[in-house]
Structures are given as C-alpha cells and as structure tokens.
Amino acid sequence: MEMWQRWLVFGIGLVVGAIVVAVVISALSYSLTLAGRRKPTVELVRARLKPAIRVSIGLIALWIVMAATFPYPDREWRSFVHHVFVIAVIAVVGWLLVGLVYVMEDLSNARYRIDVADNAAARRVRTQMTVVRRLLIVVVVVIAIGAILLTFPGIRAVGASVLASAGIVSIIAGLAAQSVLGNLIAGIQLAFSGALRVDDVVVVEGEWGRIGEITLAYVVVDIWDERRLILPCTYFTTQPFTNWTRRSSLILGTVEFDIDWRVGISAMRDRFNEVLASTDLWDGRSSSLQITDATGGFVRVRAVISAHDSGKLWDLRCLVREELVAWLQKDGRYSLPVTRVQMVDGPDADRRSTRSAPKGADAEAQRDHAGLFSGSPEAEARGSQFTGAVPVQKRTAEEQLDETLEAPADDPDQTAVLPLEDEQAAASRP
C-alpha cells in the first residue's frame, strides 16, 4: 500500500474512531449519571474521573488507529510516535490514580461532615485525609515521572549507577533540605497526633483565628479579620499555642469591671442574670459575678459566662459589657469609679464619715449566687478538677472508745476517765 493510501486510511480511521469514541463516552456518561442518582458514590467517581476517562478512551482509540494504519515499527518516526504514546498512557494512568485519590477523600468528607455541632472527630479525620491525599499524590507523581524517565534507553543504562550512589545522594540531600524534611515530618505529625485539626480555633502569635489548611509544608490560619497567617508546620511542633477546640467548642469567657467600693453587688448580679436570660448566646452552663480584687481604690468585678463556641462567646461578652455599663450609668451611678480626697482639719476630723453609700445599697451582699467553683453542680465539678480533694473519713464513737480502752496507760496508778456516755457503752459491752 502506498504512503498516500495509508494516510487516507489513517484519516478515515480517525473519523470512525472519533465517532466510536463519542458513542462510547456518551453511553458511559449516561450510565454513570443514572447510577449516580441511586448511589452518591458513583456520582463522586463520575465528577472526579470524567475528564481523565475521556482522554484515556480517546488516546487508546488513536493508538489503535495508528497501529492498524502503520504496522511497521522499524521506521524512525514510527518509533518516536510509539514512544510518545507510551509516555501519554503513563501520564493518563497517573491522572486516573490522582483522581481516585480525590474520590477517596470526597467519600471520607461526605461521611464525616464538619457542618454539625459536635464535629471534633470529623475534623480530625478530615485533617488526616488531607495529609494522606497530599502524600499519595506526591507518590503517584514521583512514580509516574520515574516510569516516564525509564522509557528512555539512556536513563535505563545509568540506572544502576544512580542506585549505587543513592545513599550518598540521599545524605547530601537530607543535609541540604533539613527545613523541608522537618516541615514534611511535622505536617504528618500534626495530622495524626490530633494536636491540630482543620477548623480548630487557635490563638497564634497573638492572633485569633481558625485553621484553614494544613499542608506538608505550612499551616494557614484564617484570622477573624479575613487576613491569612501562614506558618511552617514546625512552628506548631516546637512553639506553644492555644487551641480553643481541642476537645470541644464549649468555652468560658470573662468580663471585668473596675468600679467603686460602694457598688451594690446584689443589684448588679440581678441585672447580669437578666441579661443572660434574655439572650440565646448564653448556653446556660455557667454564669457568675464575683468581686475578685479590691485594691488601688477600686473593686474588680469579674463576670464569668459560657457559650457554645468562640464566636458566640465574643458577642456574648460584648453584650454583657454593654448592658452592665448602661446599668451603671443609669441605676448604679454611685458605683462609677471616683477618686477620694479627704481634707483633715482639727482633732474631730477622724470622726467625720466620708460619703456613705446611697440608700438601698446592700452593706453586705448575700452570697445566694453560684460562684465559679462552688454554688452549683457545674461549679462543684469544675472545682473538683483542680482540687482533687480527698474526703475526710470520720470515726464513729465506738471506734474512738476502742482506741481509748486499748491504749496503754503511762501511769499504772491512773485510770482512764471516760465520759458518761462512754462509761455506759463500756458497761454494756461483754
């Protein structure tokens, strides 16, 4: 067959092959779409692997047409085309494997959702799957590149010498890339140790935000004001940081006031409880308002509140602060901070009283409230975590009597004198 005839057959084969490929791709896409309606897993596979499958089918069809039209591999250009097809097939296979890795991650993310209230386990699994996906993609890409390089005869010839010098090269590369390898190992450690997970609320370098992404080299912190703080993975394995959602998103917060000594703490506490009862930001777990310090001419009042997460806690703290400041301005003006100066003139000045508290102010606030570590079951449980008190074992009267009777007397002429109740108990015993 003449060369022009072969090219004509090749053109006709391309047209027929294109039609066949279009029919096969359409039928396969329709079948996967119908199956995806019944099984979400099939839909995930179709969405991730659709481009790679189309390219692979087209590549195989083109290779078949080329092999059928030009069956003589001894020619130079035919060997070159064959080599190109081999490289393309290796690349497409790597593409399919990378797509399967993404499908595995999508299936895991669909099972472990993080848009629920208690998502600690889901965030841990998602972080681990992210790191595993990156590792697998790196492995697939390295293997694909290695397979492509091995298709060249010259590289296969030097393969033995490269393997022989791999030990020395690895040592040199390890010394030259200590920081890179350190970040790689730190990223794997963060993913599987559970110390840090995607969507964790953290305070790092004085900035409050959420963990947006954990890679094999760095961690992205989404700061509350929409900035991004990027830190190497080794930072979180070598530096201390605050994790607000390590076990749960539940959190406590405080609001502090420096006010006058004449403050009516009971009235202020009543207003504090009214504010908490009127908002949905408070989760009802913990609330207390106590005087924690009294120095420098002021008393420090600390309000402890709780919320489901850090975002609600911030809004709740601002609400409590605003409402109590408004109460101090309106009903508790006598509690606003003042600086007192007493002018002493004459011997009777000591008997002069300073400005007294207004009418209605409690001279002594009754402790009918729940404190931070006492006064309620939640506070008692919180206090037991820090004190670990050992219960005192009280001895009964009979045990005390036995110890008294069995104790040896220092003076044989003296007799033990027992109370009347103990004498009657001893007389009644055999």
Protein backbone atom coordinates (compact mmCIF):
# COMPACT_ATOMS: atom_id res chain seq x y z
CA MET A 1 0.00 0.00 0.00
CA GLU A 2 1.31 3.38 -0.99
CA MET A 3 2.04 6.02 1.60
CA TRP A 4 -0.78 8.33 0.44
CA GLN A 5 -3.16 5.43 0.70
CA ARG A 6 -2.02 4.75 4.26
CA TRP A 7 -2.61 8.38 5.19
CA LEU A 8 -6.06 8.20 3.62
CA VAL A 9 -6.87 5.10 5.63
CA PHE A 10 -5.49 6.84 8.69
CA GLY A 11 -7.81 9.82 8.12
CA ILE A 12 -10.82 7.56 7.65
CA GLY A 13 -9.83 5.64 10.76
CA LEU A 14 -9.62 8.87 12.75
CA VAL A 15 -13.16 9.83 11.70
CA VAL A 16 -14.54 6.38 12.50
CA GLY A 17 -12.59 6.30 15.75
CA ALA A 18 -13.89 9.71 16.76
CA ILE A 19 -17.47 8.55 16.16
CA VAL A 20 -16.92 5.38 18.16
CA VAL A 21 -15.26 7.29 20.98
CA ALA A 22 -18.14 9.78 21.08
CA VAL A 23 -20.69 6.98 21.26
CA VAL A 24 -18.76 5.11 23.97
CA ILE A 25 -18.25 8.25 26.05
CA SER A 26 -21.93 9.24 25.74
CA ALA A 27 -23.14 5.77 26.71
CA LEU A 28 -20.71 5.59 29.63
CA SER A 29 -21.64 9.08 30.83
CA TYR A 30 -25.37 8.29 30.62
CA SER A 31 -24.90 5.04 32.54
CA LEU A 32 -22.86 6.73 35.27
CA THR A 33 -25.43 9.54 35.55
CA LEU A 34 -28.27 7.05 36.05
CA ALA A 35 -26.23 5.10 38.60
CA GLY A 36 -25.23 8.30 40.37
CA ARG A 37 -28.87 9.16 41.05
CA ARG A 38 -29.20 5.98 43.09
CA LYS A 39 -25.71 5.90 44.60
CA PRO A 40 -23.90 9.13 45.52
CA THR A 41 -20.58 7.27 45.39
CA VAL A 42 -20.90 6.73 41.64
CA GLU A 43 -21.65 10.43 41.18
CA LEU A 44 -18.44 11.34 43.00
CA VAL A 45 -16.46 8.98 40.78
CA ARG A 46 -18.05 10.42 37.64
CA ALA A 47 -17.37 14.02 38.67
CA ARG A 48 -13.71 13.38 39.51
CA LEU A 49 -12.74 10.93 36.74
CA LYS A 50 -14.83 12.21 33.84
CA PRO A 51 -12.05 14.22 32.09
CA ALA A 52 -9.39 11.55 32.63
CA ILE A 53 -11.66 8.78 31.33
CA ARG A 54 -12.48 10.74 28.18
CA VAL A 55 -8.83 11.45 27.45
CA SER A 56 -7.84 7.84 28.08
CA ILE A 57 -10.54 6.48 25.72
CA GLY A 58 -9.56 8.92 23.00
CA LEU A 59 -5.86 8.10 23.44
CA ILE A 60 -6.47 4.36 23.21
CA ALA A 61 -8.58 4.79 20.06
CA LEU A 62 -5.91 6.95 18.44
CA TRP A 63 -3.22 4.41 19.28
CA ILE A 64 -5.28 1.59 17.76
CA VAL A 65 -5.84 3.54 14.55
CA MET A 66 -2.15 4.40 14.32
CA ALA A 67 -1.04 0.81 14.93
CA ALA A 68 -3.50 -0.53 12.34
CA THR A 69 -2.53 2.01 9.69
CA PHE A 70 1.25 1.97 10.16
CA PRO A 71 2.13 -1.56 11.32
CA TYR A 72 5.88 -1.27 10.69
CA PRO A 73 7.69 -0.17 13.87
CA ASP A 74 11.12 -0.23 12.28
CA ARG A 75 10.86 3.24 10.90
CA GLU A 76 12.31 6.09 12.98
CA TRP A 77 9.23 8.30 13.06
CA ARG A 78 7.06 5.27 13.95
CA SER A 79 9.28 4.51 16.95
CA PHE A 80 9.10 8.13 18.03
CA VAL A 81 5.29 8.15 17.84
CA HIS A 82 5.15 4.88 19.77
CA HIS A 83 7.36 6.39 22.48
CA VAL A 84 5.08 9.43 22.69
CA PHE A 85 2.04 7.18 23.10
CA VAL A 86 3.75 5.26 25.91
CA ILE A 87 4.51 8.48 27.76
CA ALA A 88 0.95 9.72 27.23
CA VAL A 89 -0.51 6.47 28.57
CA ILE A 90 1.68 6.65 31.69
CA ALA A 91 0.59 10.25 32.28
CA VAL A 92 -3.10 9.39 31.83
CA VAL A 93 -2.80 6.43 34.21
CA GLY A 94 -1.21 8.76 36.78
CA TRP A 95 -4.05 11.21 36.20
CA LEU A 96 -6.61 8.47 36.86
CA LEU A 97 -4.82 7.43 40.06
CA VAL A 98 -4.77 11.03 41.30
CA GLY A 99 -8.50 11.25 40.55
CA LEU A 100 -9.11 8.07 42.56
CA VAL A 101 -7.23 9.62 45.48
CA TYR A 102 -9.55 12.63 45.32
CA VAL A 103 -12.55 10.30 45.17
CA MET A 104 -11.33 8.61 48.34
CA GLU A 105 -11.06 11.99 50.06
CA ASP A 106 -14.53 13.04 48.86
CA LEU A 107 -16.07 9.84 50.21
CA SER A 108 -14.43 10.44 53.56
CA ASN A 109 -15.58 14.07 53.67
CA ALA A 110 -19.13 13.05 52.77
CA ARG A 111 -19.19 10.60 55.67
CA TYR A 112 -17.52 12.87 58.23
CA ARG A 113 -19.18 16.28 57.95
CA ILE A 114 -17.89 19.32 59.81
CA ASP A 115 -21.03 21.46 59.47
CA VAL A 116 -22.54 19.94 62.62
CA ALA A 117 -22.32 20.95 66.27
CA ASP A 118 -20.04 18.19 67.59
CA ASN A 119 -17.50 17.79 64.79
CA ALA A 120 -14.25 17.09 66.63
CA ALA A 121 -13.91 13.56 65.23
CA ALA A 122 -14.89 14.70 61.73
CA ARG A 123 -12.30 17.48 61.77
CA ARG A 124 -9.61 15.04 62.88
CA VAL A 125 -10.46 12.60 60.08
CA ARG A 126 -10.63 15.39 57.51
CA THR A 127 -7.22 16.69 58.54
CA GLN A 128 -5.71 13.23 58.29
CA MET A 129 -7.31 12.59 54.91
CA THR A 130 -5.96 15.90 53.59
CA VAL A 131 -2.41 14.96 54.53
CA VAL A 132 -2.81 11.40 53.22
CA ARG A 133 -4.18 12.72 49.94
CA ARG A 134 -1.18 15.02 49.51
CA LEU A 135 1.24 12.20 50.29
CA LEU A 136 -0.42 9.80 47.85
CA ILE A 137 -0.45 12.42 45.10
CA VAL A 138 3.27 13.03 45.64
CA VAL A 139 3.93 9.28 45.47
CA VAL A 140 1.86 8.87 42.27
CA VAL A 141 3.56 11.82 40.58
CA VAL A 142 7.04 10.60 41.53
CA ILE A 143 6.31 7.08 40.28
CA ALA A 144 4.81 8.43 37.03
CA ILE A 145 7.81 10.66 36.40
CA GLY A 146 10.15 7.76 37.16
CA ALA A 147 8.26 5.48 34.77
CA ILE A 148 8.40 8.10 32.03
CA LEU A 149 12.14 8.58 32.51
CA LEU A 150 12.73 4.83 32.35
CA THR A 151 11.24 4.73 28.86
CA PHE A 152 14.39 6.45 27.60
CA PRO A 153 17.19 3.92 26.89
CA GLY A 154 19.94 6.25 28.08
CA ILE A 155 18.38 6.67 31.52
CA ARG A 156 17.89 2.90 31.88
CA ALA A 157 21.59 2.43 31.22
CA VAL A 158 22.64 4.74 34.04
CA GLY A 159 20.01 3.39 36.42
CA ALA A 160 22.44 1.00 38.13
CA SER A 161 24.99 3.71 38.83
CA VAL A 162 22.26 6.03 40.14
CA LEU A 163 21.06 3.36 42.55
CA ALA A 164 24.63 2.73 43.69
CA SER A 165 25.12 6.38 44.55
CA ALA A 166 21.64 6.83 46.03
CA GLY A 167 22.93 6.52 49.60
CA ILE A 168 25.44 9.35 49.24
CA VAL A 169 22.94 11.50 47.32
CA SER A 170 20.27 10.97 49.99
CA ILE A 171 22.66 12.06 52.75
CA ILE A 172 23.64 15.20 50.85
CA ALA A 173 20.00 15.98 50.03
CA GLY A 174 18.98 15.43 53.64
CA LEU A 175 21.60 17.86 54.91
CA ALA A 176 20.69 20.44 52.28
CA ALA A 177 16.94 20.22 52.88
CA GLN A 178 16.64 19.86 56.63
CA SER A 179 13.93 22.51 56.91
CA VAL A 180 11.89 20.97 54.09
CA LEU A 181 12.08 17.48 55.56
CA GLY A 182 11.38 18.88 59.03
CA ASN A 183 8.19 20.57 57.81
CA LEU A 184 7.18 17.39 55.99
CA ILE A 185 7.54 15.27 59.11
CA ALA A 186 5.89 17.97 61.25
CA GLY A 187 2.89 18.09 58.90
CA ILE A 188 2.42 14.33 59.16
CA GLN A 189 2.81 14.54 62.94
CA LEU A 190 0.18 17.28 63.21
CA ALA A 191 -2.28 15.29 61.12
CA PHE A 192 -2.05 12.06 63.10
CA SER A 193 -1.34 13.36 66.61
CA GLY A 194 -4.61 15.28 66.86
CA ALA A 195 -2.93 18.36 68.33
CA LEU A 196 -4.20 20.49 65.44
CA ARG A 197 -7.07 19.94 63.04
CA VAL A 198 -8.74 21.78 60.22
CA ASP A 199 -11.33 24.29 61.54
CA ASP A 200 -9.76 24.40 65.02
CA VAL A 201 -9.98 27.79 66.76
CA VAL A 202 -6.48 28.84 67.85
CA VAL A 203 -4.57 31.82 69.19
CA VAL A 204 -1.17 32.04 67.48
CA GLU A 205 1.28 34.95 67.66
CA GLY A 206 -1.39 36.97 69.44
CA GLU A 207 -3.88 36.43 66.59
CA TRP A 208 -7.23 34.66 66.95
CA GLY A 209 -8.50 32.59 64.04
CA ARG A 210 -9.33 29.19 62.58
CA ILE A 211 -7.11 26.59 60.94
CA GLY A 212 -7.96 26.86 57.26
CA GLU A 213 -5.47 24.45 55.73
CA ILE A 214 -2.75 22.03 56.81
CA THR A 215 -0.23 21.08 54.16
CA LEU A 216 3.03 19.16 54.24
CA ALA A 217 5.00 22.42 54.46
CA TYR A 218 2.86 25.09 56.15
CA VAL A 219 -0.36 25.78 58.06
CA VAL A 220 -2.79 28.55 57.06
CA VAL A 221 -4.61 30.34 59.89
CA ASP A 222 -7.71 32.28 58.82
CA ILE A 223 -7.69 35.29 61.14
CA TRP A 224 -11.02 36.81 62.22
CA ASP A 225 -10.48 39.98 60.16
CA GLU A 226 -10.05 37.91 56.94
CA ARG A 227 -6.26 38.03 56.95
CA ARG A 228 -4.24 34.86 56.48
CA LEU A 229 -1.37 33.91 58.78
CA ILE A 230 0.92 31.31 57.18
CA LEU A 231 3.28 29.44 59.49
CA PRO A 232 5.60 26.47 58.88
CA CYS A 233 4.47 23.14 60.27
CA THR A 234 7.47 23.03 62.59
CA TYR A 235 6.10 26.08 64.43
CA PHE A 236 3.23 24.04 65.87
CA THR A 237 5.53 21.24 66.99
CA THR A 238 8.12 23.49 68.64
CA GLN A 239 6.19 26.55 69.88
CA PRO A 240 3.27 26.74 72.36
CA PHE A 241 -0.10 27.82 71.01
CA THR A 242 -3.67 27.97 72.32
CA ASN A 243 -6.28 25.57 70.88
CA TRP A 244 -9.81 26.52 71.94
CA THR A 245 -11.47 23.49 70.33
CA ARG A 246 -9.08 20.69 71.29
CA ARG A 247 -11.84 18.58 72.89
CA SER A 248 -14.99 20.64 72.41
CA SER A 249 -16.13 24.01 71.12
CA LEU A 250 -17.69 24.86 74.50
CA ILE A 251 -15.80 27.72 76.11
CA LEU A 252 -15.81 30.10 79.09
CA GLY A 253 -15.12 33.83 78.97
CA THR A 254 -14.82 36.74 81.38
CA VAL A 255 -15.88 40.38 81.51
CA GLU A 256 -14.18 42.61 84.11
CA PHE A 257 -15.07 46.00 85.60
CA ASP A 258 -13.10 48.32 87.89
CA ILE A 259 -15.76 50.19 89.87
CA ASP A 260 -16.28 52.00 93.17
CA TRP A 261 -16.34 50.35 96.58
CA ARG A 262 -19.98 51.40 97.06
CA VAL A 263 -21.23 49.17 94.28
CA GLY A 264 -24.42 47.26 95.01
CA ILE A 265 -23.15 43.83 94.01
CA SER A 266 -26.53 42.13 94.51
CA ALA A 267 -28.30 44.59 92.21
CA MET A 268 -25.52 44.27 89.66
CA ARG A 269 -25.75 40.49 89.85
CA ASP A 270 -29.51 40.62 89.29
CA ARG A 271 -29.03 42.75 86.19
CA PHE A 272 -26.32 40.35 84.99
CA ASN A 273 -28.66 37.37 85.31
CA GLU A 274 -31.41 39.26 83.49
CA VAL A 275 -29.08 39.94 80.55
CA LEU A 276 -28.10 36.27 80.28
CA ALA A 277 -31.69 35.10 80.49
CA SER A 278 -32.71 37.41 77.64
CA THR A 279 -30.21 36.19 75.02
CA ASP A 280 -29.71 32.97 73.07
CA LEU A 281 -25.94 33.46 73.00
CA TRP A 282 -25.63 32.02 76.52
CA ASP A 283 -25.69 28.22 76.62
CA GLY A 284 -26.83 28.04 80.27
CA ARG A 285 -23.81 26.09 81.53
CA SER A 286 -22.02 28.62 83.70
CA SER A 287 -22.55 32.14 84.97
CA SER A 288 -21.14 34.00 87.96
CA LEU A 289 -20.44 37.57 89.01
CA GLN A 290 -17.92 38.00 91.81
CA ILE A 291 -15.56 40.57 93.28
CA THR A 292 -12.09 39.19 92.57
CA ASP A 293 -9.92 42.09 93.78
CA ALA A 294 -10.16 45.20 95.95
CA THR A 295 -7.03 47.32 95.71
CA GLY A 296 -5.99 50.74 94.48
CA GLY A 297 -9.24 52.48 95.42
CA PHE A 298 -11.41 50.25 93.24
CA VAL A 299 -13.01 46.83 93.36
CA ARG A 300 -12.73 44.48 90.40
CA VAL A 301 -15.89 42.65 89.42
CA ARG A 302 -15.48 39.65 87.16
CA ALA A 303 -18.37 38.12 85.23
CA VAL A 304 -17.84 34.55 84.00
CA ILE A 305 -20.04 33.37 81.15
CA SER A 306 -20.18 30.37 78.82
CA ALA A 307 -21.15 29.81 75.20
CA HIS A 308 -21.28 27.05 72.61
CA ASP A 309 -18.35 28.39 70.60
CA SER A 310 -15.84 31.21 70.49
CA GLY A 311 -17.83 33.34 68.06
CA LYS A 312 -20.92 33.37 70.26
CA LEU A 313 -18.74 33.96 73.31
CA TRP A 314 -17.30 37.12 71.76
CA ASP A 315 -20.75 38.51 71.04
CA LEU A 316 -21.98 37.50 74.50
CA ARG A 317 -19.05 39.22 76.21
CA CYS A 318 -19.73 42.42 74.28
CA LEU A 319 -23.45 42.23 75.11
CA VAL A 320 -22.84 41.72 78.84
CA ARG A 321 -20.29 44.54 78.92
CA GLU A 322 -22.61 46.98 77.12
CA GLU A 323 -25.65 46.14 79.24
CA LEU A 324 -23.80 46.40 82.56
CA VAL A 325 -22.16 49.66 81.52
CA ALA A 326 -25.62 51.02 80.66
CA TRP A 327 -26.90 49.82 84.06
CA LEU A 328 -24.01 51.54 85.86
CA GLN A 329 -24.74 54.78 84.02
CA LYS A 330 -28.45 54.69 84.72
CA ASP A 331 -29.13 52.89 88.02
CA GLY A 332 -25.68 52.49 89.54
CA ARG A 333 -24.15 55.94 89.15
CA TYR A 334 -22.85 55.74 92.72
CA SER A 335 -20.76 52.76 91.60
CA LEU A 336 -18.78 54.63 88.97
CA PRO A 337 -15.07 54.94 89.82
CA VAL A 338 -14.19 58.08 91.80
CA THR A 339 -11.03 59.39 93.41
CA ARG A 340 -11.48 60.48 97.03
CA VAL A 341 -9.52 63.24 98.77
CA GLN A 342 -10.16 63.87 102.49
CA MET A 343 -9.14 67.26 103.91
CA VAL A 344 -8.15 66.83 107.58
CA ASP A 345 -8.63 69.89 109.80
CA GLY A 346 -8.81 69.59 113.58
CA PRO A 347 -8.95 66.71 116.04
CA ASP A 348 -12.57 65.90 115.24
CA ALA A 349 -11.86 65.17 111.60
CA ASP A 350 -11.33 61.48 112.29
CA ARG A 351 -14.92 61.17 113.44
CA ARG A 352 -16.26 62.62 110.24
CA SER A 353 -17.51 59.99 107.95
CA THR A 354 -16.83 60.01 104.28
CA ARG A 355 -19.55 59.82 101.71
CA SER A 356 -21.66 56.88 102.59
CA ALA A 357 -23.35 54.51 100.29
CA PRO A 358 -26.75 55.58 98.99
CA LYS A 359 -29.98 54.22 100.31
CA GLY A 360 -30.80 50.74 99.14
CA ALA A 361 -27.19 49.66 98.73
CA ASP A 362 -26.50 46.42 100.49
CA ALA A 363 -23.93 46.78 103.21
CA GLU A 364 -23.25 43.10 102.97
CA ALA A 365 -24.12 41.22 99.79
CA GLN A 366 -25.71 37.87 100.46
CA ARG A 367 -23.94 35.02 98.74
CA ASP A 368 -27.04 33.46 97.26
CA HIS A 369 -25.38 33.05 93.87
CA ALA A 370 -23.37 30.42 92.08
CA GLY A 371 -19.63 31.02 92.04
CA LEU A 372 -17.06 29.80 89.58
CA PHE A 373 -16.04 26.79 91.69
CA SER A 374 -18.95 26.44 94.13
CA GLY A 375 -22.67 27.00 94.46
CA SER A 376 -23.90 24.78 91.61
CA PRO A 377 -23.30 21.23 90.37
CA GLU A 378 -21.36 22.52 87.34
CA ALA A 379 -19.18 24.74 89.52
CA GLU A 380 -18.54 21.92 92.00
CA ALA A 381 -17.49 19.61 89.14
CA ARG A 382 -15.17 22.32 87.78
CA GLY A 383 -13.62 22.82 91.21
CA SER A 384 -13.03 19.09 91.68
CA GLN A 385 -10.90 19.06 88.52
CA PHE A 386 -8.41 21.44 90.15
CA THR A 387 -8.56 20.45 93.81
CA GLY A 388 -9.00 16.70 93.77
CA ALA A 389 -9.97 16.82 97.44
CA VAL A 390 -9.83 13.54 99.42
CA PRO A 391 -12.97 13.02 101.53
CA VAL A 392 -12.36 13.00 105.30
CA GLN A 393 -13.16 9.69 106.96
CA LYS A 394 -14.94 10.37 110.25
CA ARG A 395 -14.53 7.82 113.06
CA THR A 396 -17.56 6.59 114.92
CA ALA A 397 -17.94 6.86 118.70
CA GLU A 398 -17.47 3.11 119.08
CA GLU A 399 -14.11 3.22 117.23
CA GLN A 400 -12.94 6.07 119.45
CA LEU A 401 -13.94 4.06 122.55
CA ASP A 402 -12.00 1.03 121.36
CA GLU A 403 -8.87 3.12 120.83
CA THR A 404 -9.19 4.61 124.33
CA LEU A 405 -9.60 1.22 126.03
CA GLU A 406 -6.76 -0.40 124.09
CA ALA A 407 -4.28 2.47 124.54
CA PRO A 408 -1.59 1.62 127.24
CA ALA A 409 -1.53 3.89 130.26
CA ASP A 410 1.72 5.66 131.14
CA ASP A 411 0.94 5.63 134.88
CA PRO A 412 -0.41 2.30 136.22
CA ASP A 413 -1.95 4.09 139.22
CA GLN A 414 -4.08 6.27 136.96
CA THR A 415 -7.25 5.07 135.40
CA ALA A 416 -8.80 6.40 132.25
CA VAL A 417 -11.70 8.73 132.86
CA LEU A 418 -14.42 8.28 130.27
CA PRO A 419 -17.38 10.45 129.60
CA LEU A 420 -20.72 9.27 130.93
CA GLU A 421 -21.87 8.07 127.54
CA ASP A 422 -18.63 6.11 127.01
CA GLU A 423 -18.90 4.54 130.52
CA GLN A 424 -22.41 3.36 129.79
CA ALA A 425 -21.28 1.95 126.43
CA ALA A 426 -18.35 0.15 128.06
CA ALA A 427 -20.55 -1.30 130.81
CA SER A 428 -23.00 -2.69 128.30
CA ARG A 429 -20.25 -4.46 126.34
CA PRO A 430 -19.27 -8.08 127.30
